[in-house]
Amino acid sequence: MEHKIAFVGFGGMAGWHNRQIKTIDNIEVAGIWDIKEERRKAAADQGLRVYGSMDELLADPSTDLVLIAAPNDVHKPAAIAAMEAGKNVISEKPVTLSSSDLQEMIDASARTGRFLTVHQNRRWDEDFLTIKNVLAEGHLGEVFRIESRVHGSRGIPGDWRQEKEHGGGMILDWGVHLLDQALLLFPGVPLKTVYASITNVTNQLVDDGFTAELLFGNGIRVLVEVGTSHFAPLPRWVVLGADGTAVIEDWKLNGRIVKAAGVNEKDVVPVITAAGLTKTMAPRRPENIATEKLPIAASDVRDFYRNVMAVLEGREERLIKLPEVMRVMKLMEAIMKSAETNTVVAFE
């Protein structure tokens, strides 16, 4: 079955979608609409049809899918309008600005019978999937802490992402990815509490970074951090267990697993510091430590679109479930509340 998709918005992310779709069977881009003339011209220069208006896009009988790739505050009204016009909808992340807005979108999907999903593309990140492998294979013994970070040093991009009214800020921009990943690490396990702080180093209108500590019902603490003023980034992932540690340094999957390989520590050599010696913090001797390669995972982000088409054709269940999307949205709201009140927020 052939599918045709129209784009609302043709910025950098829509351009990425266009390039991906060109490599996927049974789907093609019907055309785009963007309120900015320069973006309409960019699409035309690439040979894409440019609709004369949003209404013309929605009235095109050849399309069955609409991608919303406009600023975050546009997602809800555009998605509801598309569903009411009989189109199935893919929204870029974050799906919208609040859980109440998301509920309106879910209600519109139920009312119109149209499919609604969110492009949570970083579920296919190979660093995330490799961490899932580490947890599943039990390499580290009992895990007690996981740290997930993305750090940059350029501040927030100089566009609508700096503006609160358009849904700017790093919680909505990158938090939505990292929090979605964190919640997927422990299926069925409740998230008990949230404690968070935000930064405003380069921008006073929206958060330019945040740190959130999540306590799950299994006792594992997950630290999630996004920063835009970090000139020496910390590792992308750190997983701490009773018997070892896993580290992924970056998106190129540089990293390692370091494990205990022996228990005889009687001959440990104390470390001499400027103020004295320490045995507690001395490194293990070489024969009592082992370094292993990470269980690297492979993925294909185009499987997102393949799943969307299979759902529309009744062949598969959806991979991105709306209750999961709602859970992430409510978690982002809890992080904002915790940071504002400087309190631990009960979640589930």
Protein backbone atom coordinates (compact mmCIF):
# COMPACT_ATOMS: atom_id res chain seq x y z
CA MET A 1 0.00 0.00 0.00
CA GLU A 2 1.31 3.44 -0.95
CA HIS A 3 1.20 6.30 1.53
CA LYS A 4 1.59 10.02 0.93
CA ILE A 5 2.60 12.46 3.64
CA ALA A 6 2.38 16.25 3.74
CA PHE A 7 4.64 18.41 5.93
CA VAL A 8 3.44 21.31 8.06
CA GLY A 9 6.69 23.24 8.49
CA PHE A 10 9.86 22.76 6.48
CA GLY A 11 12.76 23.57 8.77
CA GLY A 12 15.78 21.46 9.57
CA MET A 13 13.84 18.57 11.09
CA ALA A 14 11.40 18.34 8.18
CA GLY A 15 14.37 18.30 5.82
CA TRP A 16 15.72 15.32 7.77
CA HIS A 17 12.34 13.55 7.44
CA ASN A 18 12.33 14.23 3.70
CA ARG A 19 15.74 12.64 3.27
CA GLN A 20 14.72 9.58 5.30
CA ILE A 21 11.45 9.07 3.44
CA LYS A 22 13.27 9.04 0.11
CA THR A 23 14.95 5.80 1.26
CA ILE A 24 11.78 4.05 2.50
CA ASP A 25 9.49 1.97 0.29
CA ASN A 26 5.77 2.71 -0.08
CA ILE A 27 5.78 6.29 1.20
CA GLU A 28 6.47 9.62 -0.46
CA VAL A 29 6.18 13.30 0.35
CA ALA A 30 3.17 14.91 -1.33
CA GLY A 31 4.14 18.48 -0.48
CA ILE A 32 4.75 21.05 2.24
CA TRP A 33 3.35 24.22 3.75
CA ASP A 34 5.40 26.70 5.77
CA ILE A 35 4.45 30.22 6.83
CA LYS A 36 7.95 31.44 5.91
CA GLU A 37 8.55 32.28 2.27
CA GLU A 38 12.21 31.27 2.41
CA ARG A 39 11.29 27.80 3.63
CA ARG A 40 8.67 27.43 0.89
CA LYS A 41 11.33 28.42 -1.64
CA ALA A 42 13.78 25.90 -0.13
CA ALA A 43 11.21 23.14 -0.58
CA ALA A 44 10.45 24.19 -4.15
CA ASP A 45 14.17 24.23 -4.93
CA GLN A 46 14.27 20.58 -3.82
CA GLY A 47 11.47 19.70 -6.21
CA LEU A 48 8.74 19.44 -3.59
CA ARG A 49 5.21 20.66 -4.13
CA VAL A 50 4.43 23.76 -2.10
CA TYR A 51 0.79 24.13 -1.09
CA GLY A 52 -0.74 27.59 -1.26
CA SER A 53 -2.00 27.39 2.33
CA MET A 54 -2.58 25.08 5.27
CA ASP A 55 -6.17 24.65 4.09
CA GLU A 56 -4.97 23.49 0.68
CA LEU A 57 -2.64 20.98 2.30
CA LEU A 58 -5.45 19.56 4.43
CA ALA A 59 -7.80 19.40 1.45
CA ASP A 60 -5.44 17.28 -0.65
CA PRO A 61 -7.30 13.96 -1.10
CA SER A 62 -4.11 12.10 -2.05
CA THR A 63 -2.53 12.35 1.41
CA ASP A 64 -3.25 10.09 4.36
CA LEU A 65 -0.53 11.38 6.68
CA VAL A 66 0.50 14.81 7.95
CA LEU A 67 3.80 15.51 9.71
CA ILE A 68 3.75 18.47 12.12
CA ALA A 69 7.32 19.83 12.13
CA ALA A 70 6.62 23.43 13.13
CA PRO A 71 7.48 25.18 16.44
CA ASN A 72 6.16 23.38 19.49
CA ASP A 73 3.19 25.69 20.14
CA VAL A 74 1.84 24.91 16.66
CA HIS A 75 1.69 21.15 17.22
CA LYS A 76 -1.69 20.98 18.97
CA PRO A 77 -3.80 23.22 16.71
CA ALA A 78 -2.22 21.85 13.54
CA ALA A 79 -2.62 18.23 14.63
CA ILE A 80 -6.26 18.68 15.63
CA ALA A 81 -7.05 20.48 12.38
CA ALA A 82 -5.40 17.68 10.40
CA MET A 83 -7.28 14.94 12.23
CA GLU A 84 -10.57 16.79 11.78
CA ALA A 85 -9.74 16.95 8.05
CA GLY A 86 -9.46 13.16 8.01
CA LYS A 87 -5.66 12.88 8.13
CA ASN A 88 -3.49 10.68 10.31
CA VAL A 89 -0.87 12.68 12.20
CA ILE A 90 2.78 12.39 13.16
CA SER A 91 3.86 15.18 15.50
CA GLU A 92 7.46 16.05 16.08
CA LYS A 93 8.50 16.00 19.71
CA PRO A 94 7.49 17.32 22.13
CA VAL A 95 3.96 16.49 21.08
CA THR A 96 2.74 19.74 22.67
CA LEU A 97 3.35 22.06 25.64
CA SER A 98 1.31 20.47 28.45
CA SER A 99 -0.50 17.32 29.50
CA SER A 100 -3.86 19.10 29.19
CA ASP A 101 -3.04 20.04 25.59
CA LEU A 102 -2.02 16.45 24.89
CA GLN A 103 -5.32 15.21 26.29
CA GLU A 104 -7.13 17.47 23.81
CA MET A 105 -5.13 15.89 20.99
CA ILE A 106 -5.87 12.37 22.25
CA ASP A 107 -9.56 13.25 22.49
CA ALA A 108 -9.49 14.55 18.90
CA SER A 109 -7.89 11.30 17.75
CA ALA A 110 -10.63 9.28 19.46
CA ARG A 111 -13.37 11.58 18.12
CA THR A 112 -12.18 11.50 14.52
CA GLY A 113 -10.88 7.94 14.45
CA ARG A 114 -7.54 9.20 13.10
CA PHE A 115 -4.13 7.85 14.09
CA LEU A 116 -1.94 10.14 16.22
CA THR A 117 1.68 9.46 17.10
CA VAL A 118 4.87 11.27 18.07
CA HIS A 119 8.28 11.03 16.43
CA GLN A 120 10.27 9.86 19.47
CA ASN A 121 13.20 9.11 17.19
CA ARG A 122 15.79 8.72 19.94
CA ARG A 123 14.27 5.42 20.97
CA TRP A 124 16.44 4.17 18.10
CA ASP A 125 19.68 5.73 19.39
CA GLU A 126 22.28 2.98 19.53
CA ASP A 127 23.83 4.30 22.76
CA PHE A 128 20.44 3.95 24.49
CA LEU A 129 19.86 0.48 23.05
CA THR A 130 23.37 -0.56 24.12
CA ILE A 131 22.59 0.48 27.70
CA LYS A 132 19.44 -1.64 27.52
CA ASN A 133 21.67 -4.56 26.47
CA VAL A 134 23.97 -3.92 29.45
CA LEU A 135 21.01 -4.03 31.84
CA ALA A 136 19.44 -7.09 30.22
CA GLU A 137 22.65 -9.11 30.23
CA GLY A 138 23.43 -8.43 33.90
CA HIS A 139 27.05 -7.46 33.31
CA LEU A 140 27.34 -5.28 36.41
CA GLY A 141 25.61 -7.16 39.19
CA GLU A 142 22.89 -5.28 41.03
CA VAL A 143 22.54 -1.86 39.38
CA PHE A 144 21.90 1.02 41.76
CA ARG A 145 22.45 4.18 39.67
CA ILE A 146 22.28 5.29 36.04
CA GLU A 147 23.39 8.66 34.68
CA SER A 148 22.24 9.97 31.29
CA ARG A 149 23.61 13.26 29.99
CA VAL A 150 23.85 15.40 26.89
CA HIS A 151 26.18 18.39 27.07
CA GLY A 152 26.92 21.16 24.61
CA SER A 153 28.68 24.51 24.84
CA ARG A 154 26.81 26.72 22.35
CA GLY A 155 23.76 27.70 24.37
CA ILE A 156 20.27 27.42 22.86
CA PRO A 157 19.99 27.83 19.07
CA GLY A 158 19.06 31.38 18.10
CA ASP A 159 15.51 30.70 16.98
CA TRP A 160 12.08 30.02 18.53
CA ARG A 161 13.70 27.55 20.95
CA GLN A 162 14.75 30.57 23.00
CA GLU A 163 11.16 31.79 23.42
CA LYS A 164 8.78 30.55 26.09
CA GLU A 165 5.61 31.24 24.08
CA HIS A 166 6.79 28.85 21.36
CA GLY A 167 7.68 26.07 23.80
CA GLY A 168 11.39 26.78 24.03
CA GLY A 169 13.84 25.49 26.61
CA MET A 170 15.88 22.35 27.06
CA ILE A 171 13.34 20.39 29.11
CA LEU A 172 10.98 20.33 26.15
CA ASP A 173 13.74 20.13 23.54
CA TRP A 174 16.13 17.46 24.88
CA GLY A 175 14.49 16.44 28.13
CA VAL A 176 11.64 14.86 26.20
CA HIS A 177 14.15 12.44 24.63
CA LEU A 178 16.21 11.55 27.69
CA LEU A 179 13.19 11.20 29.98
CA ASP A 180 11.43 8.97 27.47
CA GLN A 181 14.52 6.76 27.38
CA ALA A 182 14.78 6.70 31.18
CA LEU A 183 11.17 5.58 31.60
CA LEU A 184 11.69 2.82 29.02
CA LEU A 185 14.60 1.33 30.97
CA PHE A 186 12.27 -0.26 33.53
CA PRO A 187 8.94 -1.28 31.91
CA GLY A 188 6.12 -1.52 34.40
CA VAL A 189 8.16 -0.04 37.28
CA PRO A 190 6.61 3.09 38.86
CA LEU A 191 8.61 6.29 39.14
CA LYS A 192 8.28 7.29 42.78
CA THR A 193 9.84 10.75 43.11
CA VAL A 194 11.44 13.55 41.09
CA TYR A 195 13.89 16.20 42.27
CA ALA A 196 15.17 18.75 39.77
CA SER A 197 16.95 22.04 39.20
CA ILE A 198 17.21 24.17 36.07
CA THR A 199 19.86 26.57 34.76
CA ASN A 200 19.59 29.95 33.05
CA VAL A 201 23.22 30.59 32.17
CA THR A 202 22.73 31.91 28.63
CA ASN A 203 18.98 32.52 28.58
CA GLN A 204 16.75 34.08 31.22
CA LEU A 205 13.44 33.39 29.46
CA VAL A 206 13.61 29.59 29.24
CA ASP A 207 15.75 26.90 30.83
CA ASP A 208 19.05 26.31 29.04
CA GLY A 209 19.68 23.15 31.04
CA PHE A 210 18.39 20.99 33.87
CA THR A 211 19.31 18.16 36.21
CA ALA A 212 16.70 15.69 37.45
CA GLU A 213 17.10 12.78 39.84
CA LEU A 214 14.47 10.10 39.39
CA LEU A 215 13.82 7.40 42.02
CA PHE A 216 12.13 4.30 40.64
CA GLY A 217 10.15 1.74 42.58
CA ASN A 218 12.94 -0.83 42.16
CA GLY A 219 15.27 1.44 44.16
CA ILE A 220 17.39 2.50 41.18
CA ARG A 221 18.16 6.20 40.88
CA VAL A 222 18.48 7.71 37.40
CA LEU A 223 20.11 11.09 36.95
CA VAL A 224 19.12 12.92 33.75
CA GLU A 225 21.03 16.05 32.79
CA VAL A 226 21.00 18.44 29.86
CA GLY A 227 23.47 21.32 29.64
CA THR A 228 24.31 23.90 26.98
CA SER A 229 27.30 25.56 28.69
CA HIS A 230 29.56 22.53 29.19
CA PHE A 231 32.93 22.87 27.46
CA ALA A 232 34.24 19.52 28.74
CA PRO A 233 31.25 17.15 28.42
CA LEU A 234 30.77 14.32 30.89
CA PRO A 235 30.00 10.82 29.53
CA ARG A 236 26.75 10.24 27.68
CA TRP A 237 25.94 7.28 29.97
CA VAL A 238 27.27 5.84 33.24
CA VAL A 239 25.75 2.72 34.81
CA LEU A 240 26.88 1.76 38.31
CA GLY A 241 26.46 -1.76 39.67
CA ALA A 242 27.71 -3.70 42.67
CA ASP A 243 30.20 -5.60 40.49
CA GLY A 244 31.14 -3.11 37.80
CA THR A 245 30.57 0.08 35.85
CA ALA A 246 29.59 0.70 32.22
CA VAL A 247 30.49 3.96 30.48
CA ILE A 248 29.49 5.28 27.07
CA GLU A 249 31.43 8.44 26.36
CA ASP A 250 29.63 9.74 23.26
CA TRP A 251 27.28 8.97 20.37
CA LYS A 252 30.11 7.16 18.59
CA LEU A 253 29.78 4.48 21.30
CA ASN A 254 33.27 4.91 22.68
CA GLY A 255 33.19 3.26 26.08
CA ARG A 256 33.77 0.15 28.13
CA ILE A 257 32.63 -2.10 30.92
CA VAL A 258 34.94 -2.32 33.95
CA LYS A 259 34.27 -5.20 36.33
CA ALA A 260 35.65 -6.79 39.46
CA ALA A 261 37.68 -9.88 38.55
CA GLY A 262 38.81 -10.90 42.03
CA VAL A 263 38.15 -10.32 45.71
CA ASN A 264 41.63 -10.41 47.21
CA GLU A 265 42.35 -6.82 48.14
CA LYS A 266 44.76 -7.51 51.04
CA ASP A 267 47.74 -6.27 49.06
CA VAL A 268 46.15 -3.02 47.91
CA VAL A 269 48.67 -0.20 47.58
CA PRO A 270 47.37 2.98 49.23
CA VAL A 271 47.25 6.16 47.21
CA ILE A 272 49.41 8.95 48.57
CA THR A 273 47.71 12.35 48.37
CA ALA A 274 49.00 15.78 49.32
CA ALA A 275 47.22 15.52 52.66
CA GLY A 276 47.88 11.88 53.41
CA LEU A 277 47.16 8.37 52.15
CA THR A 278 43.91 6.58 51.37
CA LYS A 279 43.28 2.88 51.04
CA THR A 280 39.55 3.22 50.46
CA MET A 281 39.99 5.18 47.21
CA ALA A 282 43.01 3.27 45.95
CA PRO A 283 42.50 1.58 42.56
CA ARG A 284 42.18 -2.18 42.32
CA ARG A 285 45.29 -4.10 41.34
CA PRO A 286 45.40 -5.15 37.65
CA GLU A 287 44.71 -8.82 38.41
CA ASN A 288 41.51 -7.86 40.27
CA ILE A 289 39.93 -5.82 37.49
CA ALA A 290 38.68 -6.66 33.99
CA THR A 291 37.73 -4.43 31.09
CA GLU A 292 35.22 -5.66 28.51
CA LYS A 293 33.68 -4.32 25.32
CA LEU A 294 30.19 -2.92 25.35
CA PRO A 295 27.39 -5.12 23.93
CA ILE A 296 26.80 -2.75 21.01
CA ALA A 297 23.27 -2.54 19.62
CA ALA A 298 22.36 -1.69 16.02
CA SER A 299 19.17 0.01 14.85
CA ASP A 300 17.44 1.65 11.90
CA VAL A 301 15.45 4.79 12.73
CA ARG A 302 13.42 4.31 9.55
CA ASP A 303 11.62 1.53 11.40
CA PHE A 304 9.53 4.32 12.92
CA TYR A 305 7.93 5.05 9.54
CA ARG A 306 7.67 1.38 8.67
CA ASN A 307 5.73 0.85 11.90
CA VAL A 308 3.42 3.82 11.22
CA MET A 309 2.52 2.38 7.82
CA ALA A 310 2.02 -1.10 9.28
CA VAL A 311 -0.31 0.33 11.96
CA LEU A 312 -2.38 2.15 9.34
CA GLU A 313 -2.61 -1.07 7.35
CA GLY A 314 -3.63 -3.10 10.42
CA ARG A 315 -0.49 -5.26 10.40
CA GLU A 316 1.27 -4.16 13.63
CA GLU A 317 0.74 -2.53 16.99
CA ARG A 318 2.06 1.00 17.37
CA LEU A 319 5.57 1.35 18.79
CA ILE A 320 4.99 4.83 20.26
CA LYS A 321 2.05 4.50 22.65
CA LEU A 322 0.11 7.59 23.70
CA PRO A 323 0.05 6.66 27.43
CA GLU A 324 3.88 6.59 27.27
CA VAL A 325 3.86 10.02 25.65
CA MET A 326 1.53 11.33 28.35
CA ARG A 327 3.77 9.91 31.07
CA VAL A 328 6.77 11.78 29.67
CA MET A 329 4.75 15.00 29.40
CA LYS A 330 3.66 14.74 33.04
CA LEU A 331 7.24 13.98 34.08
CA MET A 332 8.46 17.15 32.36
CA GLU A 333 5.79 19.08 34.26
CA ALA A 334 6.93 17.46 37.53
CA ILE A 335 10.51 18.51 36.79
CA MET A 336 9.40 22.10 36.21
CA LYS A 337 7.41 22.02 39.46
CA SER A 338 10.29 20.54 41.46
CA ALA A 339 12.72 23.15 40.13
CA GLU A 340 10.30 26.01 40.81
CA THR A 341 9.51 24.90 44.37
CA ASN A 342 12.88 23.31 45.21
CA THR A 343 11.05 20.24 46.55
CA VAL A 344 10.91 16.52 45.93
CA VAL A 345 7.78 15.82 43.87
CA ALA A 346 5.88 12.56 44.29
CA PHE A 347 5.09 11.12 40.86
CA GLU A 348 3.56 7.64 40.88
